[in-house]
């Protein structure tokens, strides 16, 4: 069932912790109740076609009847949206979308607050500045009386907050694709939908494009994407938009299936661009499978998602299903720091990965074969070899997803079955699915995987710090910790082998150390630390040479995990010489 011409709505299934909105009283008995939402796309019954005027008007205090509301409106997590029209002195009325924002449950008499009003005004100006093809335009924010019959607005009826947005004609992705898997004929078009959302999110988060005001959408999902006949996908519901440096989120609203694990764990904390990137990956899963992904904290979710993506890629005749699957999985990495940073490049690579059987796909298949052990048991080389921080971070993202793919795409019983696959539920784990980063006995693996479990991304460190994590390594393979100062312009990457590097059997639970400047140098700067799998004999030769850097060794290895840490003043008593307590 398609929902034609809708914008600005939030799913009624959104979660907040705790819920922060109560149903709002919108005037007298003449106001029709919001339409009950039926179906997964949030489409009210009888929404097909152009809605008729319902007799109600809204507007600011100096023009309370400026906008005429049409139809019953659609209720969502933050308010109710109507199609509306503005006439003024124009020859013909113009269509718009009006969203009435519900007040928070604990709202006082001064609601909306001065901070809320400033934020809404800032958003309107920012979106006009951005003027994005794939993002809805916010025209006006105003305070006014509840919806009312023409000429009956009462100043004592209370003050409501309204957003005025462009009306975008077309079905939502939910209405268009829900319940239908991609085919050979439709997969490239569906991935183009994803690329359009990529462009919107990249522009929002761009320091340059936003004039120094990078922002997050924070509610990317199929019901918030309209497919316009000319513009393609348009991302709507900008009521959730926030600047990246916005503080504590008192509402914590989110839609679990499209929410990153770090937001699920702490929905009130400030969010990063990586949270929007995860939502993008979940949207890509929907576009290919026609179904919502399981929430990130559902047991067995990672294996199910990977298996479904691989299956639909094969069904749709993609030249290299493994390449497309691994590329999509980069956005759904459990670690926020490893998700793609450059969404425009990611979208370009997505289009390439979706190619049907061709020379390009054959090259990708050869690359996948290398990941499965085509280098004679040695770790394969990263696709991008560079000493520049941004590009090395991207290589981490790509490699980390590719190397866990073989174990993720196995079916629960190991048979890689393509039919009858059922999504995992929160109450029952999928047997036999090994989570990313889980260790297996050294030497049993055909590809290298690894995690850094401590320190966590964003942690403070002193002049040196102990690191630890897990790994699963092929024979004759060991681990390095490679550090680079990302603030001072130094491109050098400094190498340290982990403790017991020459005994791979000890590395499923590895420990190591790295150094960050001196006692007085490097303080208050950020460092990136990479975990890299390399050939054991090459690492031994480098260690015995005593060299501090070895770009050839680093470039020959496999990037497994990465964290960024912040140097603070202070030293560690034993200067990290030898294992802690050793």
Protein backbone atom coordinates (compact mmCIF):
# COMPACT_ATOMS: atom_id res chain seq x y z
CA UNK A 1 0.00 0.00 0.00
CA UNK A 2 1.51 3.33 -1.07
CA UNK A 3 1.38 6.55 0.84
CA UNK A 4 1.24 9.40 -1.64
CA UNK A 5 2.64 12.82 -0.88
CA UNK A 6 3.63 12.68 2.75
CA UNK A 7 6.39 14.43 4.65
CA UNK A 8 7.56 15.24 8.10
CA UNK A 9 6.16 12.19 9.88
CA UNK A 10 7.87 10.06 12.51
CA UNK A 11 6.95 6.41 13.03
CA UNK A 12 4.60 5.71 15.93
CA UNK A 13 6.96 2.85 16.73
CA UNK A 14 9.75 5.22 17.78
CA UNK A 15 11.22 4.54 21.18
CA UNK A 16 12.09 7.08 23.81
CA UNK A 17 13.49 6.36 27.20
CA UNK A 18 11.56 7.58 29.03
CA UNK A 19 8.69 8.66 26.71
CA UNK A 20 8.72 12.44 26.63
CA UNK A 21 5.47 13.32 24.84
CA UNK A 22 1.85 13.16 25.82
CA UNK A 23 -1.07 13.36 23.36
CA UNK A 24 -1.85 17.02 22.89
CA UNK A 25 -5.26 18.67 23.07
CA UNK A 26 -5.65 20.54 19.79
CA UNK A 27 -8.61 22.78 20.33
CA UNK A 28 -12.35 22.25 20.49
CA UNK A 29 -14.64 19.39 19.44
CA UNK A 30 -14.52 20.47 15.78
CA UNK A 31 -10.96 19.17 15.38
CA UNK A 32 -10.96 15.69 13.84
CA UNK A 33 -8.73 13.18 15.62
CA UNK A 34 -5.47 12.19 13.95
CA UNK A 35 -5.88 9.27 11.59
CA UNK A 36 -5.13 5.92 13.14
CA UNK A 37 -2.00 4.50 11.59
CA UNK A 38 -2.35 1.16 9.87
CA UNK A 39 0.33 -0.96 8.26
CA UNK A 40 4.10 -0.80 8.56
CA UNK A 41 4.41 2.30 6.42
CA UNK A 42 2.38 4.49 8.77
CA UNK A 43 -0.28 5.09 6.10
CA UNK A 44 -3.65 6.18 7.43
CA UNK A 45 -6.62 4.38 6.00
CA UNK A 46 -8.00 6.16 2.97
CA UNK A 47 -4.91 8.30 2.42
CA UNK A 48 -4.76 7.56 -1.30
CA UNK A 49 -5.37 10.57 -3.51
CA UNK A 50 -5.33 14.24 -2.55
CA UNK A 51 -6.94 14.92 0.85
CA UNK A 52 -9.83 17.35 1.09
CA UNK A 53 -9.91 20.44 3.36
CA UNK A 54 -10.98 19.54 6.89
CA UNK A 55 -12.17 23.05 7.77
CA UNK A 56 -9.28 23.83 10.11
CA UNK A 57 -6.60 26.54 9.94
CA UNK A 58 -3.34 27.34 11.69
CA UNK A 59 -0.92 30.25 11.61
CA UNK A 60 1.19 32.61 13.70
CA UNK A 61 -0.44 35.05 16.09
CA UNK A 62 -0.53 37.86 13.51
CA UNK A 63 -2.12 35.63 10.83
CA UNK A 64 -3.84 32.70 12.60
CA UNK A 65 -5.66 31.50 9.45
CA UNK A 66 -2.62 31.57 7.13
CA UNK A 67 -2.57 27.82 6.40
CA UNK A 68 -5.56 25.60 5.57
CA UNK A 69 -5.20 21.99 6.74
CA UNK A 70 -6.20 19.05 4.54
CA UNK A 71 -7.28 15.57 5.59
CA UNK A 72 -6.98 14.01 9.02
CA UNK A 73 -3.26 14.33 9.51
CA UNK A 74 -0.76 11.63 10.39
CA UNK A 75 0.45 11.13 13.96
CA UNK A 76 4.04 10.21 14.71
CA UNK A 77 6.48 10.15 17.56
CA UNK A 78 6.90 13.94 17.83
CA UNK A 79 3.61 15.29 16.53
CA UNK A 80 1.03 15.31 13.76
CA UNK A 81 1.61 16.26 10.13
CA UNK A 82 -1.00 17.53 7.70
CA UNK A 83 -0.88 18.37 4.07
CA UNK A 84 -1.82 22.06 3.92
CA UNK A 85 -2.10 24.89 1.49
CA UNK A 86 -1.23 28.57 1.49
CA UNK A 87 -3.12 31.05 -0.65
CA UNK A 88 -2.44 34.59 0.55
CA UNK A 89 -2.90 36.85 -2.47
CA UNK A 90 -1.70 34.21 -4.93
CA UNK A 91 -3.84 33.20 -7.89
CA UNK A 92 -3.76 29.55 -6.82
CA UNK A 93 -2.93 27.89 -3.48
CA UNK A 94 0.43 26.19 -2.94
CA UNK A 95 0.82 22.82 -1.17
CA UNK A 96 2.88 22.58 2.02
CA UNK A 97 3.34 20.25 4.96
CA UNK A 98 2.51 21.49 8.46
CA UNK A 99 3.79 19.61 11.48
CA UNK A 100 2.33 20.33 14.91
CA UNK A 101 4.93 19.35 17.50
CA UNK A 102 3.62 17.65 20.62
CA UNK A 103 4.85 19.25 23.85
CA UNK A 104 7.06 17.17 26.13
CA UNK A 105 5.26 15.52 29.03
CA UNK A 106 7.04 17.76 31.54
CA UNK A 107 6.61 20.96 29.52
CA UNK A 108 6.05 24.05 31.62
CA UNK A 109 4.00 27.13 30.84
CA UNK A 110 6.89 28.67 28.90
CA UNK A 111 6.97 25.84 26.39
CA UNK A 112 8.40 25.91 23.83
CA UNK A 113 11.54 27.14 25.51
CA UNK A 114 13.66 29.93 24.09
CA UNK A 115 16.31 27.29 23.33
CA UNK A 116 13.81 25.22 21.33
CA UNK A 117 12.71 28.25 19.33
CA UNK A 118 16.31 29.20 18.55
CA UNK A 119 17.11 25.65 17.49
CA UNK A 120 14.14 25.46 15.14
CA UNK A 121 14.98 28.83 13.63
CA UNK A 122 18.62 27.77 13.22
CA UNK A 123 17.48 24.59 11.46
CA UNK A 124 15.29 26.53 9.04
CA UNK A 125 18.13 28.89 8.11
CA UNK A 126 20.64 26.02 7.83
CA UNK A 127 18.40 23.94 5.57
CA UNK A 128 17.78 26.92 3.31
CA UNK A 129 21.53 27.44 3.14
CA UNK A 130 22.14 23.78 2.28
CA UNK A 131 19.32 23.67 -0.33
CA UNK A 132 19.70 19.92 -0.82
CA UNK A 133 17.97 17.94 -3.54
CA UNK A 134 17.65 14.88 -1.30
CA UNK A 135 16.56 16.62 1.93
CA UNK A 136 13.21 18.24 2.61
CA UNK A 137 13.14 22.04 2.85
CA UNK A 138 12.03 23.68 6.10
CA UNK A 139 10.31 26.98 5.26
CA UNK A 140 9.09 28.42 8.54
CA UNK A 141 8.80 27.81 12.27
CA UNK A 142 6.03 29.58 14.12
CA UNK A 143 4.05 29.62 17.36
CA UNK A 144 0.28 29.82 17.17
CA UNK A 145 -3.10 28.74 18.44
CA UNK A 146 -4.24 25.11 18.13
CA UNK A 147 -5.95 24.16 14.86
CA UNK A 148 -9.26 25.97 14.63
CA UNK A 149 -12.12 26.95 12.33
CA UNK A 150 -11.53 30.08 10.25
CA UNK A 151 -11.85 33.21 12.37
CA UNK A 152 -12.16 31.39 15.71
CA UNK A 153 -8.54 31.40 16.98
CA UNK A 154 -8.50 32.20 20.70
CA UNK A 155 -5.41 33.78 22.29
CA UNK A 156 -6.19 31.94 25.54
CA UNK A 157 -6.30 28.49 23.87
CA UNK A 158 -2.58 27.95 24.35
CA UNK A 159 0.49 28.27 22.15
CA UNK A 160 1.59 25.43 19.89
CA UNK A 161 4.78 24.99 17.89
CA UNK A 162 4.56 24.32 14.13
CA UNK A 163 7.03 23.49 11.39
CA UNK A 164 6.21 24.45 7.79
CA UNK A 165 7.93 22.25 5.20
CA UNK A 166 7.70 21.66 1.49
CA UNK A 167 5.23 18.98 0.48
CA UNK A 168 7.06 16.17 -1.32
CA UNK A 169 4.91 14.04 -3.63
CA UNK A 170 5.59 10.33 -3.88
CA UNK A 171 5.49 7.04 -1.99
CA UNK A 172 7.73 6.31 0.97
CA UNK A 173 10.39 3.63 0.61
CA UNK A 174 8.35 1.62 3.09
CA UNK A 175 5.27 1.79 0.87
CA UNK A 176 7.25 1.17 -2.32
CA UNK A 177 9.57 -1.65 -1.25
CA UNK A 178 8.13 -3.19 1.91
CA UNK A 179 7.85 -6.98 1.69
CA UNK A 180 9.52 -7.23 -1.74
CA UNK A 181 13.13 -8.38 -2.24
CA UNK A 182 15.43 -6.84 -4.82
CA UNK A 183 15.77 -8.64 -8.14
CA UNK A 184 18.18 -8.51 -11.05
CA UNK A 185 15.95 -5.85 -12.59
CA UNK A 186 15.63 -3.65 -9.48
CA UNK A 187 18.76 -3.97 -7.35
CA UNK A 188 20.71 -1.11 -8.93
CA UNK A 189 17.73 1.24 -8.65
CA UNK A 190 17.29 0.30 -5.01
CA UNK A 191 20.94 0.93 -4.22
CA UNK A 192 20.63 4.27 -5.98
CA UNK A 193 17.97 5.12 -3.39
CA UNK A 194 20.61 4.42 -0.73
CA UNK A 195 23.13 6.60 -2.58
CA UNK A 196 20.69 9.52 -2.54
CA UNK A 197 20.38 9.28 1.25
CA UNK A 198 24.20 9.07 1.39
CA UNK A 199 24.41 12.40 -0.39
CA UNK A 200 21.95 14.05 2.01
CA UNK A 201 23.76 12.78 5.12
CA UNK A 202 27.19 13.68 3.71
CA UNK A 203 26.07 17.25 3.01
CA UNK A 204 24.48 17.61 6.43
CA UNK A 205 27.65 16.41 8.16
CA UNK A 206 30.04 18.40 5.96
CA UNK A 207 31.82 21.24 7.72
CA UNK A 208 32.30 23.02 4.39
CA UNK A 209 28.88 22.41 2.85
CA UNK A 210 27.07 23.42 6.04
CA UNK A 211 29.07 26.61 6.47
CA UNK A 212 30.66 25.29 9.67
CA UNK A 213 27.44 23.81 11.10
CA UNK A 214 27.68 20.02 10.59
CA UNK A 215 24.49 18.25 11.63
CA UNK A 216 22.87 14.84 12.07
CA UNK A 217 19.47 13.73 10.81
CA UNK A 218 19.06 11.12 13.60
CA UNK A 219 16.01 9.34 12.17
CA UNK A 220 16.93 7.67 8.86
CA UNK A 221 14.40 4.91 8.08
CA UNK A 222 12.10 3.85 5.21
CA UNK A 223 9.08 5.86 6.38
CA UNK A 224 11.19 9.01 6.37
CA UNK A 225 12.28 8.60 2.74
CA UNK A 226 9.98 9.68 -0.11
CA UNK A 227 10.70 8.69 -3.70
CA UNK A 228 10.04 11.78 -5.80
CA UNK A 229 9.59 11.39 -9.55
CA UNK A 230 12.35 13.91 -10.37
CA UNK A 231 14.55 14.33 -7.28
CA UNK A 232 14.76 10.67 -6.34
CA UNK A 233 14.76 9.90 -2.64
CA UNK A 234 14.09 12.87 -0.37
CA UNK A 235 14.87 12.47 3.33
CA UNK A 236 12.16 14.06 5.45
CA UNK A 237 11.20 14.72 9.09
CA UNK A 238 13.82 17.32 9.95
CA UNK A 239 12.25 17.80 13.39
CA UNK A 240 14.85 15.31 14.65
CA UNK A 241 17.82 17.19 13.16
CA UNK A 242 20.55 18.37 15.57
CA UNK A 243 23.97 19.95 15.30
CA UNK A 244 26.72 17.40 15.88
CA UNK A 245 27.94 19.23 18.98
CA UNK A 246 24.44 19.35 20.50
CA UNK A 247 24.48 18.22 24.11
CA UNK A 248 22.47 15.79 26.23
CA UNK A 249 19.36 14.41 24.53
CA UNK A 250 16.58 14.41 27.12
CA UNK A 251 14.16 12.53 24.84
CA UNK A 252 16.48 9.83 23.53
CA UNK A 253 14.07 8.96 20.73
CA UNK A 254 15.06 6.22 18.32
CA UNK A 255 13.68 3.45 16.11
CA UNK A 256 15.48 0.28 17.31
CA UNK A 257 15.88 -1.47 13.94
CA UNK A 258 17.59 1.62 12.50
CA UNK A 259 19.61 2.59 15.58
CA UNK A 260 23.31 1.99 16.16
CA UNK A 261 24.41 -0.16 19.11
CA UNK A 262 26.01 2.75 20.94
CA UNK A 263 22.76 4.75 20.78
CA UNK A 264 20.71 1.73 21.86
CA UNK A 265 23.02 1.45 24.88
CA UNK A 266 22.88 5.16 25.78
CA UNK A 267 20.10 6.98 23.88
CA UNK A 268 20.41 10.20 25.89
CA UNK A 269 24.09 10.83 25.14
CA UNK A 270 25.20 13.06 22.24
CA UNK A 271 25.39 11.20 18.93
CA UNK A 272 28.04 11.15 16.22
CA UNK A 273 27.95 10.95 12.43
CA UNK A 274 28.64 7.23 12.81
CA UNK A 275 25.13 6.79 14.26
CA UNK A 276 23.59 8.18 11.05
CA UNK A 277 25.93 5.92 9.05
CA UNK A 278 24.60 2.85 10.89
CA UNK A 279 21.03 3.95 10.13
CA UNK A 280 22.04 4.26 6.48
CA UNK A 281 23.29 0.67 6.51
CA UNK A 282 20.05 -0.52 8.08
CA UNK A 283 18.15 1.37 5.37
CA UNK A 284 20.27 -0.38 2.72
CA UNK A 285 19.31 -3.73 4.27
CA UNK A 286 15.65 -2.76 3.96
CA UNK A 287 16.05 -1.60 0.36
CA UNK A 288 17.52 -4.97 -0.66
CA UNK A 289 15.39 -7.32 1.45
CA UNK A 290 12.12 -5.41 1.85
CA UNK A 291 12.21 -5.95 5.61
CA UNK A 292 13.49 -4.17 8.70
CA UNK A 293 16.78 -5.51 10.05
CA UNK A 294 16.85 -6.94 13.56
CA UNK A 295 17.99 -4.45 16.18
CA UNK A 296 21.75 -4.37 16.68
CA UNK A 297 21.49 -5.75 20.23
CA UNK A 298 19.43 -8.79 19.17
CA UNK A 299 21.41 -12.05 19.62
CA UNK A 300 22.46 -13.42 16.24
CA UNK A 301 21.61 -10.18 14.41
CA UNK A 302 25.01 -9.77 12.75
CA UNK A 303 24.99 -13.24 11.20
CA UNK A 304 21.41 -12.94 10.03
CA UNK A 305 21.98 -9.53 8.42
CA UNK A 306 25.11 -10.69 6.60
CA UNK A 307 23.43 -13.88 5.40
CA UNK A 308 20.39 -12.06 4.07
CA UNK A 309 22.51 -9.47 2.26
CA UNK A 310 24.62 -12.19 0.66
CA UNK A 311 21.52 -14.15 -0.35
CA UNK A 312 19.74 -11.24 -2.02
CA UNK A 313 22.96 -10.19 -3.80
CA UNK A 314 23.23 -13.69 -5.28
CA UNK A 315 19.54 -13.82 -6.19
CA UNK A 316 19.85 -10.46 -7.96
CA UNK A 317 22.80 -11.61 -10.08
CA UNK A 318 25.45 -9.27 -8.65
CA UNK A 319 28.82 -10.10 -10.21
CA UNK A 320 30.56 -10.42 -6.83
CA UNK A 321 28.02 -10.93 -4.02
CA UNK A 322 30.76 -11.12 -1.40
CA UNK A 323 32.14 -7.73 -2.35
CA UNK A 324 28.74 -6.05 -2.19
CA UNK A 325 27.91 -7.74 1.11
CA UNK A 326 31.16 -6.77 2.78
CA UNK A 327 30.84 -3.20 1.51
CA UNK A 328 27.34 -2.85 2.97
CA UNK A 329 28.47 -4.37 6.28
CA UNK A 330 31.02 -1.60 6.80
CA UNK A 331 28.15 0.74 7.71
CA UNK A 332 26.83 -1.73 10.29
CA UNK A 333 30.09 -2.30 12.15
CA UNK A 334 29.50 -2.64 15.88
CA UNK A 335 32.35 -0.20 16.52
CA UNK A 336 31.39 3.32 15.54
CA UNK A 337 34.99 4.31 14.76
CA UNK A 338 35.23 1.70 12.01
CA UNK A 339 32.20 2.84 10.00
CA UNK A 340 32.81 4.77 6.78
CA UNK A 341 33.88 8.38 7.18
CA UNK A 342 33.49 9.53 3.56
CA UNK A 343 29.94 8.69 2.49
CA UNK A 344 30.34 10.04 -1.04
CA UNK A 345 33.23 7.68 -1.70
CA UNK A 346 31.27 4.89 -0.03
CA UNK A 347 28.32 5.55 -2.36
CA UNK A 348 30.60 5.53 -5.40
CA UNK A 349 32.06 2.18 -4.33
CA UNK A 350 28.54 0.89 -3.66
CA UNK A 351 27.55 1.51 -7.26
CA UNK A 352 30.66 -0.31 -8.45
CA UNK A 353 30.11 -3.25 -6.09
CA UNK A 354 26.56 -3.69 -7.42
CA UNK A 355 27.75 -4.27 -10.98
CA UNK A 356 26.58 -7.47 -12.67
CA UNK A 357 29.10 -10.06 -13.90
CA UNK A 358 31.91 -8.10 -15.60
CA UNK A 359 35.63 -7.60 -15.61
CA UNK A 360 35.23 -5.35 -12.57
CA UNK A 361 33.22 -8.00 -10.76
CA UNK A 362 35.78 -10.62 -11.71
CA UNK A 363 38.51 -8.47 -10.19
CA UNK A 364 36.41 -8.17 -7.05
CA UNK A 365 35.97 -11.94 -6.98
CA UNK A 366 39.73 -12.36 -7.13
CA UNK A 367 40.04 -9.99 -4.20
CA UNK A 368 37.49 -12.03 -2.26
CA UNK A 369 39.41 -15.19 -3.06
CA UNK A 370 42.50 -13.60 -1.56
CA UNK A 371 40.53 -12.88 1.60
CA UNK A 372 39.65 -16.58 1.80
CA UNK A 373 43.29 -17.65 1.86
CA UNK A 374 44.51 -17.05 -1.68
CA UNK A 375 47.86 -15.79 -0.37
CA UNK A 376 49.00 -19.20 0.78
CA UNK A 377 47.87 -18.70 4.37
CA UNK A 378 49.48 -15.29 4.79
CA UNK A 379 47.29 -12.25 5.52
CA UNK A 380 46.16 -10.51 2.36
CA UNK A 381 47.26 -6.96 1.64
CA UNK A 382 44.92 -4.06 2.39
CA UNK A 383 43.31 -2.64 -0.73
CA UNK A 384 44.46 0.86 0.13
CA UNK A 385 47.99 1.41 1.39
CA UNK A 386 48.71 4.85 2.72
CA UNK A 387 50.17 6.70 5.65
CA UNK A 388 47.52 9.39 5.62
CA UNK A 389 45.17 9.18 8.63
CA UNK A 390 41.83 9.55 6.81
CA UNK A 391 42.65 6.93 4.18
CA UNK A 392 44.13 4.49 6.65
CA UNK A 393 40.96 4.76 8.71
CA UNK A 394 38.91 3.90 5.62
CA UNK A 395 41.11 0.88 4.99
CA UNK A 396 40.45 -0.26 8.54
CA UNK A 397 36.73 -0.04 7.93
CA UNK A 398 36.82 -2.03 4.69
CA UNK A 399 39.22 -4.67 5.97
CA UNK A 400 37.47 -5.16 9.30
CA UNK A 401 34.20 -5.94 7.57
CA UNK A 402 35.67 -8.20 4.86
CA UNK A 403 37.62 -10.41 7.22
CA UNK A 404 34.63 -11.27 9.39
CA UNK A 405 32.37 -11.97 6.42
CA UNK A 406 33.06 -15.72 6.00
CA UNK A 407 31.89 -16.53 9.49
CA UNK A 408 29.01 -14.04 9.41
CA UNK A 409 27.38 -15.36 6.26
CA UNK A 410 27.12 -18.96 7.40
CA UNK A 411 23.62 -20.16 8.12
CA UNK A 412 22.89 -21.19 11.73
CA UNK A 413 23.58 -24.84 10.95
CA UNK A 414 26.62 -24.07 8.81
CA UNK A 415 24.84 -25.07 5.58
CA UNK A 416 24.54 -21.51 4.17
CA UNK A 417 20.88 -22.20 3.37
CA UNK A 418 19.20 -19.55 1.24
CA UNK A 419 15.56 -20.49 1.88
CA UNK A 420 13.56 -20.46 5.06
CA UNK A 421 15.92 -18.05 6.86
CA UNK A 422 14.20 -16.49 9.86
CA UNK A 423 15.25 -13.25 11.54
CA UNK A 424 16.64 -13.63 15.06
CA UNK A 425 14.58 -12.41 17.98
CA UNK A 426 15.66 -10.81 21.20
CA UNK A 427 14.53 -13.87 23.18
CA UNK A 428 16.40 -16.52 21.19
CA UNK A 429 20.00 -16.43 19.99
CA UNK A 430 20.95 -17.94 16.66
CA UNK A 431 23.03 -21.02 17.33
CA UNK A 432 26.38 -21.30 15.62
CA UNK A 433 26.80 -17.63 14.70
CA UNK A 434 30.13 -16.36 15.97
CA UNK A 435 30.03 -12.64 16.76
CA UNK A 436 32.62 -10.43 15.07
CA UNK A 437 35.85 -10.34 17.04
CA UNK A 438 35.30 -13.62 18.87
CA UNK A 439 38.59 -15.51 19.16
CA UNK A 440 39.28 -18.97 17.80
CA UNK A 441 42.37 -21.09 18.44
CA UNK A 442 45.47 -19.63 16.82
CA UNK A 443 46.30 -21.23 13.48
CA UNK A 444 42.76 -22.49 12.81
CA UNK A 445 41.64 -19.37 10.92
CA UNK A 446 42.00 -18.84 7.18
CA UNK A 447 41.66 -15.06 7.48
CA UNK A 448 42.74 -12.70 10.24
CA UNK A 449 40.25 -11.04 12.57
CA UNK A 450 40.89 -9.00 15.68
CA UNK A 451 39.55 -6.45 18.12
CA UNK A 452 40.90 -3.80 20.46
CA UNK A 453 38.86 -4.07 23.65
CA UNK A 454 40.93 -1.71 25.82
CA UNK A 455 41.36 1.22 25.81
CA UNK A 456 38.07 2.12 24.19
CA UNK A 457 37.74 4.62 21.38
CA UNK A 458 38.07 8.17 22.72
CA UNK A 459 39.85 7.16 25.94
CA UNK A 460 42.49 9.30 27.64
CA UNK A 461 46.04 7.90 27.75
CA UNK A 462 49.29 9.03 29.35
CA UNK A 463 52.79 8.83 27.87
CA UNK A 464 52.20 5.14 27.26
CA UNK A 465 49.27 2.78 27.60
CA UNK A 466 48.58 -0.92 27.70
CA UNK A 467 46.30 -2.33 25.00
CA UNK A 468 44.41 -5.63 24.90
CA UNK A 469 41.95 -7.45 22.68
CA UNK A 470 41.14 -10.67 20.87
CA UNK A 471 42.28 -12.20 17.61
CA UNK A 472 41.95 -15.19 15.33
CA UNK A 473 44.99 -15.62 13.10
CA UNK A 474 46.15 -17.90 10.26
CA UNK A 475 49.38 -19.87 10.79
CA UNK A 476 52.65 -17.93 10.95
CA UNK A 477 50.86 -14.64 11.56
CA UNK A 478 51.28 -12.17 14.42
CA UNK A 479 50.09 -8.74 15.55
CA UNK A 480 51.45 -5.19 15.54
CA UNK A 481 50.21 -2.04 17.24
CA UNK A 482 50.82 0.96 14.97
CA UNK A 483 50.38 4.53 16.25
CA UNK A 484 50.16 7.87 14.44
CA UNK A 485 49.68 11.38 15.80
CA UNK A 486 46.71 12.75 13.86
CA UNK A 487 47.01 16.33 15.16
CA UNK A 488 50.59 17.41 14.47
CA UNK A 489 50.86 16.62 10.75
CA UNK A 490 53.45 13.88 11.26
CA UNK A 491 52.74 11.09 8.76
CA UNK A 492 55.06 8.61 10.49
CA UNK A 493 53.49 5.45 11.90
CA UNK A 494 55.36 3.91 14.81
CA UNK A 495 55.38 0.14 15.20
CA UNK A 496 55.33 -2.04 18.31
CA UNK A 497 54.91 -5.80 18.33
CA UNK A 498 52.45 -7.08 20.93
CA UNK A 499 53.64 -9.07 23.93
CA UNK A 500 54.43 -12.70 23.04
CA UNK A 501 54.25 -11.77 19.37
CA UNK A 502 56.52 -14.71 18.52
CA UNK A 503 54.10 -17.17 20.17
CA UNK A 504 50.92 -16.88 18.07
CA UNK A 505 49.22 -19.53 20.22
CA UNK A 506 49.12 -16.89 22.99
CA UNK A 507 47.41 -14.24 20.87
CA UNK A 508 43.69 -15.16 20.89
CA UNK A 509 43.67 -12.89 23.95
CA UNK A 510 46.57 -10.52 23.21
CA UNK A 511 48.17 -7.67 25.15
CA UNK A 512 50.58 -4.95 24.08
CA UNK A 513 51.72 -1.38 24.67
CA UNK A 514 52.14 1.82 22.70
CA UNK A 515 53.74 5.19 23.35
CA UNK A 516 52.38 8.70 22.82
CA UNK A 517 55.08 11.38 22.71
CA UNK A 518 57.27 12.01 25.74
CA UNK A 519 56.81 13.35 29.23
CA UNK A 520 56.22 16.87 27.88
CA UNK A 521 55.51 16.31 24.18
CA UNK A 522 52.27 15.24 22.53
CA UNK A 523 50.00 16.27 25.40
CA UNK A 524 46.41 17.20 24.48
CA UNK A 525 46.74 15.60 21.04
CA UNK A 526 44.90 12.69 19.44
CA UNK A 527 46.50 9.48 18.23
CA UNK A 528 45.18 6.66 16.08
CA UNK A 529 46.22 3.15 17.05
CA UNK A 530 45.77 0.33 14.51
CA UNK A 531 45.89 -3.40 15.17
CA UNK A 532 47.55 -5.06 12.15
CA UNK A 533 48.14 -8.72 11.31
CA UNK A 534 51.49 -9.37 9.59
CA UNK A 535 53.74 -12.24 8.64
CA UNK A 536 55.48 -13.57 11.76
CA UNK A 537 58.95 -13.83 10.22
CA UNK A 538 58.74 -10.27 8.82
CA UNK A 539 57.71 -8.98 12.27
CA UNK A 540 60.60 -10.85 13.88
CA UNK A 541 63.13 -9.28 11.50
CA UNK A 542 61.71 -5.82 12.11
CA UNK A 543 61.73 -6.26 15.90
CA UNK A 544 65.33 -7.42 15.89
CA UNK A 545 66.36 -4.44 13.76
CA UNK A 546 65.13 -1.99 16.40
CA UNK A 547 63.54 0.31 13.78
CA UNK A 548 60.77 2.59 15.08
CA UNK A 549 58.91 2.75 11.77
CA UNK A 550 58.49 0.31 8.89
CA UNK A 551 55.95 1.40 6.29
CA UNK A 552 56.67 -1.64 4.13
CA UNK A 553 55.81 -4.00 6.98
CA UNK A 554 52.66 -2.07 7.88
CA UNK A 555 51.47 -1.93 4.26
CA UNK A 556 52.04 -5.65 3.82
CA UNK A 557 49.65 -6.54 6.63
CA UNK A 558 45.94 -6.63 7.33
CA UNK A 559 44.27 -3.81 9.22
CA UNK A 560 41.98 -5.41 11.81
CA UNK A 561 40.84 -2.74 14.26
CA UNK A 562 41.43 0.87 15.18
CA UNK A 563 40.84 3.25 18.07
CA UNK A 564 41.55 6.93 18.54
CA UNK A 565 42.85 8.04 21.95
CA UNK A 566 43.63 11.40 23.56
CA UNK A 567 46.96 12.10 25.25
CA UNK A 568 46.86 13.67 28.70
CA UNK A 569 49.71 14.57 31.03
CA UNK A 570 51.33 11.87 33.11
CA UNK A 571 53.38 8.70 32.88
CA UNK A 572 52.94 5.04 33.76
CA UNK A 573 55.25 3.80 36.58
CA UNK A 574 57.08 1.10 34.59
CA UNK A 575 56.86 3.02 31.28
CA UNK A 576 54.92 0.06 29.81
CA UNK A 577 58.08 -2.06 29.64
CA UNK A 578 56.81 -5.64 29.61
CA UNK A 579 53.31 -6.89 30.39
CA UNK A 580 51.41 -5.18 33.23
CA UNK A 581 52.39 -6.73 36.51
CA UNK A 582 55.27 -8.53 34.78
